[in-house]
Each structure stands twice: as structure tokens, then as C-alpha cells.
Amino acid sequence: MISKDILQEVLSKALRSGGDFAEIFAEDTIKNNINMTSGKIENAVSGRDFGVGVRIFKGLRCVYAYTNDKSREGLLETAYRAASALGEGNEEKDINLMERINSNIHPIMYVPSSVGNAKKVNVMKQAYGAAKDYSSEIAQVGVYYGDVDQKILIANSEGLLTEDRRIRTRLFIQSIASNGKENQVSMEGPGRRMGFEMFEIIDPVFYARKASETAVTMLHADFCPAGKMTVAIDNAFGGVIFHEACGHSLEASSVAKGNSVFAGKLGQKIASEKVTAIDDGTMPNLWGSLNIDDEGMPTRKKVLIEKGILKGYMVDKLNGRRMNMEPTGSSRRESYRYAPTSRMTNTFIAAGEDSNESIIASIDNGLYAKKMGGGSVNPVNGEFNFAVNEGYLVKNGKIDKPVRGATLIGKGDEILMNIDMVGKDMQQGQGMCGAASGSIPTNVGQPMIRVSEITVGGR
């Protein structure tokens, strides 16, 4: 992508004003997107994005600059501009890069950019037909297909030179149910860090029917009552609550600046002893997995909470300096246009020992949140608000009627303490997480959990 000699020269130029660390991040990315509405292809867009970012540390100060010009002159100019922002000087240093080849724990069979659009559209048509034919009440179905093939290069003044290739594929189905007066929308978005072979293990028909089933069920649901309740939150995307309300507060980008409710609490009990939470970027071919992070460090399995005790944070290089902690392979960015920072990969509550049946049976009067939606959170105090896309009242230990319009409202540190039952069937769901370093693919997950008390918004 860029010759070793030029990389060394650019890193040397970046350190001219007294910087103590310099890094180059280069990427060459191909993206393919297809949109289908009402069974017809609306657009099919392919694009290629190339760019190079230069980052410099001087103590705890950081400067980042990027360019689309990969010529020697263009890269040297970018490094010069970044270095000049840290002061004047001409103390260029000799840099000796040593290439490291990474193990690939996410094998790819079929590079999606080499697969013709006809095959991709055929998968989309299968999903569309299954979703539309589920019920006469399905008024509209939208299907989105996307794949990404990102090649990256990372070099830094510590001598690291390494490359990686990241391929991922996703299918997204949106079903709209209508009775002529109102609509209900449901979505499913399976994705993997895989090529087109993803569709050998993921059945688009299954997910399409699942989206339509939820939409139709919620169309006939009553509104959820409001109040404090015991709530069972189902597995897979139910883990979005931990991701948003707790996970972001365990990222060094929040902890290092004291903008986290969990800052300074290592070794302390912050959750029920039922809770063990993990961030693991090494899980083969999962949506949030990586061989290396965006600073070139191999990803790893990180136990964040073990039986209620806070064991660690997700740490990037710069915030590691601020916290006097080693990086944990948690540095991520959307593209070369963003400086990296600490982010999640596949983050989940580990399986427990309770059965789903016993969790539901333990609730006299509460809510079963089968499918979670989006929400918002303040990482400083952990306050959150999440929509329940598919919910059911629970009466006398049995699932009763479906309800819609429910929201879960609370604080991350409180909900962790109120988790008193954890199921056995841990599953993960796919999402895109937005933060300071852009939008990145992450998995969220958990088994079914019981929260002894939480505020439920409704009518």
C-alpha cells in the first residue's frame, strides 16, 4: 500500500517538533450496497475509499491529520502540518520498522466484491418474499444488503509495521404492518465478519419471517402500562442495554476523564454476583471481531465484570497513558478520517444457571421484553432510556398478552445490581455503534436476564 522507506520518512517527519509517538493508519476500502423496496431494486452503489491518517502524541497531547494523497510529498506534508500543531522544531529521528504478520482468526471463503449482484439480489428476493407473504397485513418490506472489504496498514514510531484485511457482510430486513389506520415496524439485521458464505449459515427467510411476525404482533397489541416492574429481557439484542448503559462507561475514553460512573472502581462490586460481562474481539467471524485493533494490537478476550466485581476497562493507547494502564486491543475507528479511541467489539453478559422457564415463572406481575430497540444513555451518570420493540405482560408466572409502546428507564449501575437471574442461552445480535471515532460494527449479547425492579414507561 505504501513503501516501508516512505513510511519511515513520514514517521520521522511527524516527530520533528518533539513528539514522543507517531502513527500512520492507511486504508483501502471497497463497499457495496443494494436497496430493495416493494420487491424492486431502488439502487445499487459500489464505492472505493482510500486515505491515510497521521497521529502524533506529545505527552498527553494528541494531533491527528489525514489525506487522500498517498504520494511521498503528500504524506510528508500531512506529517509536517500535524507536527507543527505541536510546536516548532526539527528533531527528526531515525525510524526502523519491522513487519509483523498477524494470525487470521476470521477466515473468508468468498470475497463479496467478487460476487455478482445477481446472486446478492437473489438472496434479497428470498427475504422479501418471505417477509411480504407472512401476512396480508404486511404493507411494505424493505431489504438492504451491504458488504465491506477493508485493507489496512498501520506503522508507528515504536517500529511496528503490520497489515490486515477485514471483510464483513450484512442483510437488513424491515417489515411494516398496517391496518389502514396505523403502522408497526420491525427489523432484523443479521451480519458476520464473513464473505458471501454467510448465507450458507444464515437463512434470510428465517429473519424475514421473524421481522414480519413481530410487526404483525405489535399491530394488535395494547399499550403497555407504566410503573416500576420486574422485567425479563430476552437474549441476543437484549444485550444492547448493557452495551449502552454500562459498556460505554467502561471504555477508557470515558473513564480516563472521570466521565464515567465506574471510574476508580476497579476491584469493587458494581453488579450483582450473577453478572459476568465480557468484551471479546477474538470470536471467529463475529460481526464485531477483529484480528488487530486500529492501533495494530491483537484483540483479546477481556473480562470486564466477574461475578459482580469490576475487573477491567477497555483501553486504547492515548487513554492508557492518562490512566497509566496498558492498552487492551480496544482501539477502533470508522475510517482513516477518525482518530481511534477505546471502543467495544463483541460485548455480552455471560451465560448463567437459570432457565428461561424459571425466570418467567418467577414474575407475578411484570414485563417480558422479547426484542429491544434503540435508546440513549449518559455515560457520566449512566442514565438510560430504551424502547421495547416487542413486549408481553407477564401474569402469575406466565406470558400474557403483547403490549407496545414500552420503554425501560433507569441507571446503568442500578440495573447491574438489580439483575437477580441470568439464563443459560447466551446469543448475540448485530449493530452499528456511533461514538467519537465514528460508526463501527459491534455485537451485543446476553442470555435472558431478570431485573428485579426497573421503571417501565408506557400508558
Protein backbone atom coordinates (compact mmCIF):
# COMPACT_ATOMS: atom_id res chain seq x y z
CA MET A 1 0.00 0.00 0.00
CA ILE A 2 2.85 2.38 0.99
CA SER A 3 6.55 1.53 0.81
CA LYS A 4 8.49 0.94 4.02
CA ASP A 5 11.02 3.67 3.17
CA ILE A 6 8.29 6.30 2.79
CA LEU A 7 6.58 5.18 6.00
CA GLN A 8 9.83 5.58 7.94
CA GLU A 9 10.47 9.01 6.45
CA VAL A 10 6.93 10.20 7.23
CA LEU A 11 7.11 8.96 10.84
CA SER A 12 10.43 10.74 11.27
CA LYS A 13 8.92 13.98 9.93
CA ALA A 14 5.97 13.60 12.31
CA LEU A 15 8.31 13.63 15.31
CA ARG A 16 10.15 16.80 14.25
CA SER A 17 8.56 19.03 16.91
CA GLY A 18 9.34 16.81 19.88
CA GLY A 19 6.54 14.27 19.66
CA ASP A 20 7.24 11.03 21.51
CA PHE A 21 4.98 8.77 19.40
CA ALA A 22 3.81 8.84 15.79
CA GLU A 23 1.50 6.53 13.89
CA ILE A 24 0.30 6.06 10.32
CA PHE A 25 -3.04 4.43 9.52
CA ALA A 26 -3.78 3.75 5.84
CA GLU A 27 -6.85 2.08 4.39
CA ASP A 28 -8.18 0.97 1.03
CA THR A 29 -11.87 0.04 1.32
CA ILE A 30 -14.43 -1.28 -1.16
CA LYS A 31 -18.13 -1.06 -0.23
CA ASN A 32 -21.18 -2.49 -1.99
CA ASN A 33 -24.76 -1.59 -1.05
CA ILE A 34 -28.09 -2.64 -2.59
CA ASN A 35 -31.53 -1.38 -1.54
CA MET A 36 -34.83 -3.08 -2.38
CA THR A 37 -38.27 -1.62 -1.65
CA SER A 38 -41.58 -3.30 -2.51
CA GLY A 39 -39.68 -6.02 -4.35
CA LYS A 40 -37.83 -3.65 -6.67
CA ILE A 41 -34.18 -2.61 -6.60
CA GLU A 42 -34.02 1.11 -5.84
CA ASN A 43 -30.27 1.47 -6.11
CA ALA A 44 -27.04 -0.48 -6.17
CA VAL A 45 -23.97 1.51 -5.21
CA SER A 46 -20.33 0.47 -5.14
CA GLY A 47 -17.52 2.69 -3.94
CA ARG A 48 -13.87 2.75 -3.04
CA ASP A 49 -12.32 4.87 -0.31
CA PHE A 50 -8.59 5.40 0.20
CA GLY A 51 -6.86 7.60 2.74
CA VAL A 52 -4.05 7.93 5.26
CA GLY A 53 -4.13 9.34 8.78
CA VAL A 54 -1.13 10.57 10.79
CA ARG A 55 -1.37 10.77 14.58
CA ILE A 56 1.22 12.23 16.95
CA PHE A 57 1.49 12.16 20.76
CA LYS A 58 3.48 14.62 22.83
CA GLY A 59 2.86 13.53 26.39
CA LEU A 60 -0.91 13.63 26.74
CA ARG A 61 -1.37 15.96 23.79
CA CYS A 62 -2.56 14.43 20.54
CA VAL A 63 -2.82 15.74 16.97
CA TYR A 64 -4.45 13.93 14.07
CA ALA A 65 -4.42 14.77 10.36
CA TYR A 66 -5.42 12.81 7.26
CA THR A 67 -5.13 12.97 3.50
CA ASN A 68 -6.20 11.19 0.31
CA ASP A 69 -2.80 11.88 -1.25
CA LYS A 70 -0.52 8.87 -0.76
CA SER A 71 2.41 10.34 -2.66
CA ARG A 72 5.61 10.84 -0.72
CA GLU A 73 5.20 14.61 -0.90
CA GLY A 74 1.55 14.48 0.18
CA LEU A 75 2.28 12.27 3.17
CA LEU A 76 5.28 14.34 4.27
CA GLU A 77 3.17 17.49 4.07
CA THR A 78 0.44 15.92 6.20
CA ALA A 79 3.03 14.83 8.79
CA TYR A 80 4.59 18.30 8.76
CA ARG A 81 1.23 20.02 9.35
CA ALA A 82 0.38 17.69 12.21
CA ALA A 83 3.80 18.12 13.84
CA SER A 84 3.62 21.90 13.50
CA ALA A 85 0.43 21.91 15.58
CA LEU A 86 2.52 20.63 18.49
CA GLY A 87 5.22 23.31 18.16
CA GLU A 88 8.33 24.19 16.22
CA GLY A 89 11.44 22.09 15.85
CA ASN A 90 13.49 19.95 13.52
CA GLU A 91 14.38 16.94 15.62
CA GLU A 92 13.69 14.20 13.07
CA LYS A 93 14.51 10.73 14.38
CA ASP A 94 15.56 7.52 12.71
CA ILE A 95 12.71 5.03 12.49
CA ASN A 96 13.29 1.35 11.82
CA LEU A 97 10.15 -0.59 11.01
CA MET A 98 9.85 -4.34 11.49
CA GLU A 99 6.93 -6.04 9.77
CA ARG A 100 4.64 -8.26 11.83
CA ILE A 101 2.27 -10.74 10.14
CA ASN A 102 -0.91 -11.34 12.10
CA SER A 103 -2.75 -14.62 12.53
CA ASN A 104 -6.08 -14.59 10.71
CA ILE A 105 -8.75 -15.98 13.04
CA HIS A 106 -11.60 -14.92 10.74
CA PRO A 107 -11.26 -16.98 7.54
CA ILE A 108 -13.07 -15.81 4.40
CA MET A 109 -14.25 -18.13 1.62
CA TYR A 110 -15.92 -15.84 -0.94
CA VAL A 111 -14.86 -12.20 -1.21
CA PRO A 112 -18.22 -10.43 -1.61
CA SER A 113 -16.93 -7.78 -4.01
CA SER A 114 -16.20 -10.62 -6.46
CA VAL A 115 -19.76 -11.99 -6.23
CA GLY A 116 -22.12 -10.73 -8.90
CA ASN A 117 -25.08 -8.56 -7.95
CA ALA A 118 -27.48 -11.17 -9.36
CA LYS A 119 -26.60 -13.58 -6.53
CA LYS A 120 -26.94 -10.85 -3.93
CA VAL A 121 -30.31 -9.78 -5.32
CA ASN A 122 -31.49 -13.38 -5.27
CA VAL A 123 -30.85 -13.51 -1.51
CA MET A 124 -32.74 -10.24 -1.11
CA LYS A 125 -35.69 -11.55 -3.11
CA GLN A 126 -35.88 -14.61 -0.84
CA ALA A 127 -36.05 -12.32 2.18
CA TYR A 128 -38.57 -10.00 0.56
CA GLY A 129 -40.91 -12.82 -0.46
CA ALA A 130 -40.84 -14.47 2.97
CA ALA A 131 -41.49 -11.17 4.76
CA LYS A 132 -44.26 -9.98 2.42
CA ASP A 133 -46.06 -13.32 2.26
CA TYR A 134 -46.12 -13.75 6.03
CA SER A 135 -49.42 -11.90 6.37
CA SER A 136 -51.85 -9.80 4.35
CA GLU A 137 -51.26 -7.10 6.98
CA ILE A 138 -47.65 -6.61 5.83
CA ALA A 139 -47.99 -3.41 3.81
CA GLN A 140 -44.36 -2.86 2.84
CA VAL A 141 -41.00 -4.61 3.08
CA GLY A 142 -37.56 -3.09 2.63
CA VAL A 143 -34.42 -5.19 2.21
CA TYR A 144 -30.86 -3.87 2.38
CA TYR A 145 -27.69 -5.77 1.52
CA GLY A 146 -24.20 -4.48 2.26
CA ASP A 147 -20.61 -5.73 2.24
CA VAL A 148 -17.29 -4.13 3.14
CA ASP A 149 -13.75 -5.14 2.21
CA GLN A 150 -11.26 -3.02 4.16
CA LYS A 151 -7.50 -3.37 3.79
CA ILE A 152 -5.48 -1.51 6.42
CA LEU A 153 -1.83 -0.72 7.13
CA ILE A 154 -0.51 0.51 10.47
CA ALA A 155 3.02 1.74 11.16
CA ASN A 156 4.34 3.58 14.20
CA SER A 157 7.48 5.06 15.68
CA GLU A 158 7.86 2.11 18.05
CA GLY A 159 8.83 0.05 14.99
CA LEU A 160 5.54 -1.66 14.24
CA LEU A 161 4.54 -2.32 10.63
CA THR A 162 1.52 -4.53 10.07
CA GLU A 163 -1.43 -5.04 7.74
CA ASP A 164 -4.84 -6.66 7.90
CA ARG A 165 -7.89 -7.30 5.75
CA ARG A 166 -11.42 -7.04 7.14
CA ILE A 167 -14.42 -8.36 5.26
CA ARG A 168 -17.98 -8.29 6.55
CA THR A 169 -21.45 -8.88 5.12
CA ARG A 170 -24.92 -7.91 6.34
CA LEU A 171 -28.57 -8.32 5.38
CA PHE A 172 -31.20 -5.97 6.82
CA ILE A 173 -34.97 -6.53 6.60
CA GLN A 174 -37.67 -4.02 7.59
CA SER A 175 -41.32 -5.11 7.69
CA ILE A 176 -44.21 -2.66 8.10
CA ALA A 177 -47.59 -4.00 9.24
CA SER A 178 -50.66 -1.82 8.76
CA ASN A 179 -54.39 -1.96 9.44
CA GLY A 180 -55.10 1.13 7.38
CA LYS A 181 -55.08 3.43 10.42
CA GLU A 182 -51.67 2.84 11.99
CA ASN A 183 -48.41 1.08 11.26
CA GLN A 184 -45.97 -1.04 13.24
CA VAL A 185 -42.37 -1.54 12.10
CA SER A 186 -39.97 -4.36 12.92
CA MET A 187 -36.42 -5.02 11.74
CA GLU A 188 -33.86 -7.83 11.64
CA GLY A 189 -30.22 -7.33 10.65
CA PRO A 190 -28.02 -10.43 10.69
CA GLY A 191 -24.36 -9.81 9.88
CA ARG A 192 -21.00 -11.52 10.20
CA ARG A 193 -17.30 -10.84 9.69
CA MET A 194 -17.56 -13.19 6.72
CA GLY A 195 -17.81 -13.16 2.96
CA PHE A 196 -20.79 -14.25 0.89
CA GLU A 197 -20.59 -17.68 2.54
CA MET A 198 -22.52 -16.05 5.39
CA PHE A 199 -25.69 -17.12 3.61
CA GLU A 200 -24.68 -20.77 4.00
CA ILE A 201 -25.26 -20.42 7.76
CA ILE A 202 -27.77 -17.55 7.89
CA ASP A 203 -31.21 -18.19 6.41
CA PRO A 204 -32.68 -14.93 5.04
CA VAL A 205 -36.18 -16.47 5.08
CA PHE A 206 -35.98 -17.08 8.85
CA TYR A 207 -35.05 -13.50 9.64
CA ALA A 208 -37.58 -12.09 7.18
CA ARG A 209 -40.45 -14.01 8.76
CA LYS A 210 -39.22 -13.01 12.19
CA ALA A 211 -39.39 -9.31 11.25
CA SER A 212 -42.91 -9.63 9.88
CA GLU A 213 -44.12 -11.72 12.83
CA THR A 214 -43.09 -9.01 15.29
CA ALA A 215 -44.65 -6.23 13.21
CA VAL A 216 -48.00 -8.04 12.97
CA THR A 217 -47.97 -8.99 16.66
CA MET A 218 -47.35 -5.41 17.73
CA LEU A 219 -50.06 -4.12 15.39
CA HIS A 220 -52.63 -5.97 17.51
CA ALA A 221 -51.03 -5.21 20.89
CA ASP A 222 -52.45 -2.96 23.61
CA PHE A 223 -50.37 -0.16 25.06
CA CYS A 224 -48.05 -1.09 27.89
CA PRO A 225 -48.95 0.17 31.37
CA ALA A 226 -46.38 2.33 33.18
CA GLY A 227 -44.75 1.84 36.55
CA LYS A 228 -41.99 0.02 38.40
CA MET A 229 -41.93 -3.64 37.39
CA THR A 230 -39.93 -6.83 37.37
CA VAL A 231 -38.72 -7.27 33.80
CA ALA A 232 -37.31 -10.24 31.90
CA ILE A 233 -35.12 -9.09 28.99
CA ASP A 234 -34.51 -11.69 26.31
CA ASN A 235 -31.17 -12.72 24.83
CA ALA A 236 -29.28 -11.55 21.72
CA PHE A 237 -30.06 -7.87 21.02
CA GLY A 238 -31.39 -7.53 24.55
CA GLY A 239 -27.71 -7.00 25.37
CA VAL A 240 -27.97 -3.50 23.87
CA ILE A 241 -28.89 -2.24 27.34
CA PHE A 242 -25.59 -3.45 28.80
CA HIS A 243 -23.71 -2.14 25.75
CA GLU A 244 -25.17 1.35 26.00
CA ALA A 245 -25.87 1.84 29.69
CA CYS A 246 -22.76 0.10 31.04
CA GLY A 247 -20.34 -0.75 28.22
CA HIS A 248 -19.64 2.82 27.15
CA SER A 249 -18.97 3.70 30.78
CA LEU A 250 -16.24 1.02 30.83
CA GLU A 251 -14.39 2.49 27.83
CA ALA A 252 -11.22 4.38 28.71
CA SER A 253 -12.40 7.34 26.63
CA SER A 254 -14.94 7.95 29.43
CA VAL A 255 -13.04 6.55 32.40
CA ALA A 256 -9.77 8.43 31.81
CA LYS A 257 -11.51 11.82 32.02
CA GLY A 258 -13.64 10.89 35.00
CA ASN A 259 -16.76 10.96 32.83
CA SER A 260 -17.90 7.51 33.94
CA VAL A 261 -19.91 6.27 36.88
CA PHE A 262 -17.39 3.38 37.07
CA ALA A 263 -14.19 5.47 37.17
CA GLY A 264 -11.86 4.49 40.02
CA LYS A 265 -13.87 1.39 40.96
CA LEU A 266 -11.55 -1.44 39.88
CA GLY A 267 -11.87 -4.34 42.30
CA GLN A 268 -15.16 -3.05 43.69
CA LYS A 269 -18.57 -4.66 43.44
CA ILE A 270 -20.58 -2.81 40.78
CA ALA A 271 -23.10 -5.51 39.84
CA SER A 272 -24.98 -8.49 41.18
CA GLU A 273 -22.84 -11.58 41.71
CA LYS A 274 -24.94 -13.12 38.92
CA VAL A 275 -23.29 -10.82 36.39
CA THR A 276 -20.12 -11.63 34.44
CA ALA A 277 -19.57 -9.32 31.48
CA ILE A 278 -17.04 -9.80 28.68
CA ASP A 279 -15.74 -7.95 25.64
CA ASP A 280 -14.14 -10.36 23.19
CA GLY A 281 -12.89 -9.39 19.74
CA THR A 282 -11.38 -12.82 19.08
CA MET A 283 -14.62 -14.76 18.48
CA PRO A 284 -14.24 -16.21 14.96
CA ASN A 285 -16.18 -14.45 12.21
CA LEU A 286 -18.47 -12.50 14.52
CA TRP A 287 -19.69 -9.05 13.45
CA GLY A 288 -17.61 -7.13 15.99
CA SER A 289 -14.45 -9.26 15.78
CA LEU A 290 -11.01 -8.18 14.54
CA ASN A 291 -7.57 -9.73 14.15
CA ILE A 292 -5.98 -6.49 15.33
CA ASP A 293 -7.39 -3.21 16.59
CA ASP A 294 -6.82 0.12 14.84
CA GLU A 295 -3.53 0.67 16.65
CA GLY A 296 -2.20 -2.69 15.43
CA MET A 297 -2.60 -4.55 18.71
CA PRO A 298 -4.10 -8.08 18.60
CA THR A 299 -7.59 -8.17 20.03
CA ARG A 300 -8.25 -10.20 23.14
CA LYS A 301 -10.91 -11.51 25.47
CA LYS A 302 -11.41 -9.03 28.31
CA VAL A 303 -13.39 -9.87 31.43
CA LEU A 304 -14.90 -6.54 32.42
CA ILE A 305 -17.03 -7.72 35.34
CA GLU A 306 -16.58 -11.07 37.10
CA LYS A 307 -19.37 -12.18 39.43
CA GLY A 308 -20.23 -8.56 40.09
CA ILE A 309 -16.64 -7.30 40.62
CA LEU A 310 -15.19 -4.72 38.21
CA LYS A 311 -12.09 -6.35 36.73
CA GLY A 312 -11.05 -4.09 33.87
CA TYR A 313 -11.70 -1.41 31.30
CA MET A 314 -11.37 -1.26 27.52
CA VAL A 315 -8.22 0.79 26.95
CA ASP A 316 -6.63 2.48 23.93
CA LYS A 317 -3.09 3.84 23.73
CA LEU A 318 -3.71 7.52 24.47
CA ASN A 319 -6.16 6.97 27.32
CA GLY A 320 -3.86 4.25 28.63
CA ARG A 321 -1.26 6.97 29.09
CA ARG A 322 -3.77 9.06 31.01
CA MET A 323 -4.71 6.10 33.23
CA ASN A 324 -1.22 4.56 33.48
CA MET A 325 -2.65 1.33 32.05
CA GLU A 326 -1.63 -0.89 29.16
CA PRO A 327 -3.81 -0.92 26.02
CA THR A 328 -6.17 -3.88 25.72
CA GLY A 329 -6.61 -4.16 21.95
CA SER A 330 -9.71 -1.98 22.14
CA SER A 331 -8.81 0.92 19.85
CA ARG A 332 -11.22 1.37 16.94
CA ARG A 333 -12.28 3.89 14.29
CA GLU A 334 -14.73 4.06 11.42
CA SER A 335 -12.10 5.02 8.87
CA TYR A 336 -8.88 6.97 8.31
CA ARG A 337 -10.94 10.16 8.78
CA TYR A 338 -11.15 9.49 12.53
CA ALA A 339 -8.52 9.22 15.23
CA PRO A 340 -9.06 5.94 17.13
CA THR A 341 -10.23 5.60 20.70
CA SER A 342 -11.39 2.83 23.04
CA ARG A 343 -14.48 1.01 21.73
CA MET A 344 -16.31 -2.27 22.18
CA THR A 345 -16.13 -5.34 19.91
CA ASN A 346 -18.45 -8.22 20.93
CA THR A 347 -19.72 -7.26 24.38
CA PHE A 348 -22.02 -9.53 26.34
CA ILE A 349 -23.24 -10.81 29.68
CA ALA A 350 -22.06 -14.40 30.04
CA ALA A 351 -24.45 -17.33 30.43
CA GLY A 352 -25.72 -18.13 33.91
CA GLU A 353 -27.51 -21.05 35.53
CA ASP A 354 -31.19 -20.09 35.41
CA SER A 355 -33.61 -21.48 32.84
CA ASN A 356 -35.80 -19.18 30.77
CA GLU A 357 -38.85 -21.00 32.13
CA SER A 358 -37.86 -20.35 35.73
CA ILE A 359 -37.22 -16.67 35.00
CA ILE A 360 -40.70 -16.17 33.54
CA ALA A 361 -42.30 -18.33 36.26
CA SER A 362 -40.73 -16.12 38.96
CA ILE A 363 -42.58 -12.99 37.78
CA ASP A 364 -46.03 -12.40 39.28
CA ASN A 365 -46.75 -9.12 37.53
CA GLY A 366 -44.20 -7.70 35.12
CA LEU A 367 -42.93 -7.37 31.57
CA TYR A 368 -41.17 -9.70 29.16
CA ALA A 369 -39.05 -7.59 26.77
CA LYS A 370 -38.60 -10.02 23.91
CA LYS A 371 -36.98 -7.60 21.48
CA MET A 372 -35.18 -4.38 22.36
CA GLY A 373 -34.87 -1.30 20.17
CA GLY A 374 -32.73 1.82 20.26
CA GLY A 375 -32.20 4.25 23.09
CA SER A 376 -29.95 6.84 24.65
CA VAL A 377 -27.58 6.96 27.62
CA ASN A 378 -25.50 9.50 29.52
CA PRO A 379 -22.15 7.76 30.30
CA VAL A 380 -21.37 10.25 33.07
CA ASN A 381 -24.24 9.14 35.30
CA GLY A 382 -25.40 6.02 33.44
CA GLU A 383 -28.99 7.20 32.95
CA PHE A 384 -30.66 5.44 30.02
CA ASN A 385 -33.94 5.18 28.12
CA PHE A 386 -34.59 2.25 25.76
CA ALA A 387 -37.53 1.26 23.59
CA VAL A 388 -39.01 -2.23 23.77
CA ASN A 389 -39.86 -3.22 20.20
CA GLU A 390 -41.71 -6.37 21.23
CA GLY A 391 -43.07 -6.82 24.73
CA TYR A 392 -45.51 -9.00 26.66
CA LEU A 393 -47.11 -8.65 30.06
CA VAL A 394 -46.34 -11.47 32.47
CA LYS A 395 -49.11 -12.50 34.89
CA ASN A 396 -48.74 -15.14 37.60
CA GLY A 397 -45.60 -16.60 36.07
CA LYS A 398 -46.98 -16.88 32.54
CA ILE A 399 -46.57 -14.78 29.41
CA ASP A 400 -49.85 -12.96 28.85
CA LYS A 401 -50.81 -10.54 26.09
CA PRO A 402 -48.49 -8.49 23.83
CA VAL A 403 -48.01 -4.79 24.62
CA ARG A 404 -46.42 -1.95 22.69
CA GLY A 405 -45.01 1.48 23.47
CA ALA A 406 -42.93 0.24 26.41
CA THR A 407 -39.65 1.87 27.40
CA LEU A 408 -37.12 0.86 30.05
CA ILE A 409 -35.79 3.77 32.10
CA GLY A 410 -33.04 3.66 34.69
CA LYS A 411 -29.35 3.94 35.53
CA GLY A 412 -26.65 1.52 34.43
CA ASP A 413 -25.13 1.00 37.87
CA GLU A 414 -28.57 0.34 39.38
CA ILE A 415 -29.73 -2.14 36.74
CA LEU A 416 -26.48 -4.12 37.19
CA MET A 417 -27.26 -4.53 40.88
CA ASN A 418 -30.88 -5.49 40.15
CA ILE A 419 -30.07 -8.41 37.82
CA ASP A 420 -31.01 -11.36 40.03
CA MET A 421 -31.46 -14.16 37.46
CA VAL A 422 -29.34 -14.97 34.38
CA GLY A 423 -30.31 -17.59 31.80
CA LYS A 424 -28.23 -20.24 30.06
CA ASP A 425 -28.75 -19.43 26.37
CA MET A 426 -26.39 -16.56 25.51
CA GLN A 427 -26.85 -15.23 22.00
CA GLN A 428 -25.60 -12.13 20.21
CA GLY A 429 -27.12 -9.54 17.90
CA GLN A 430 -25.54 -7.13 15.44
CA GLY A 431 -25.49 -3.35 15.47
CA MET A 432 -23.57 -0.24 14.49
CA CYS A 433 -22.18 1.79 17.38
CA GLY A 434 -21.59 5.52 16.99
CA ALA A 435 -19.17 7.50 19.14
CA ALA A 436 -16.22 9.90 18.89
CA SER A 437 -14.31 7.71 16.42
CA GLY A 438 -17.28 7.17 14.11
CA SER A 439 -19.64 4.28 13.43
CA ILE A 440 -18.26 0.77 13.89
CA PRO A 441 -19.73 -2.77 13.79
CA THR A 442 -20.32 -4.28 17.24
CA ASN A 443 -22.11 -7.29 18.65
CA VAL A 444 -24.26 -7.08 21.76
CA GLY A 445 -25.41 -10.12 23.67
CA GLN A 446 -26.71 -11.85 26.76
CA PRO A 447 -28.88 -14.74 27.86
CA MET A 448 -32.34 -13.91 29.18
CA ILE A 449 -31.96 -11.88 32.38
CA ARG A 450 -34.36 -10.84 35.13
CA VAL A 451 -34.21 -7.32 36.52
CA SER A 452 -35.93 -7.30 39.90
CA GLU A 453 -37.15 -3.71 39.52
CA ILE A 454 -36.95 -1.13 36.75
CA THR A 455 -39.12 1.78 35.65
CA VAL A 456 -41.26 0.92 32.65
CA GLY A 457 -42.62 3.80 30.61
CA GLY A 458 -45.95 3.31 28.88
CA ARG A 459 -49.57 4.49 29.11
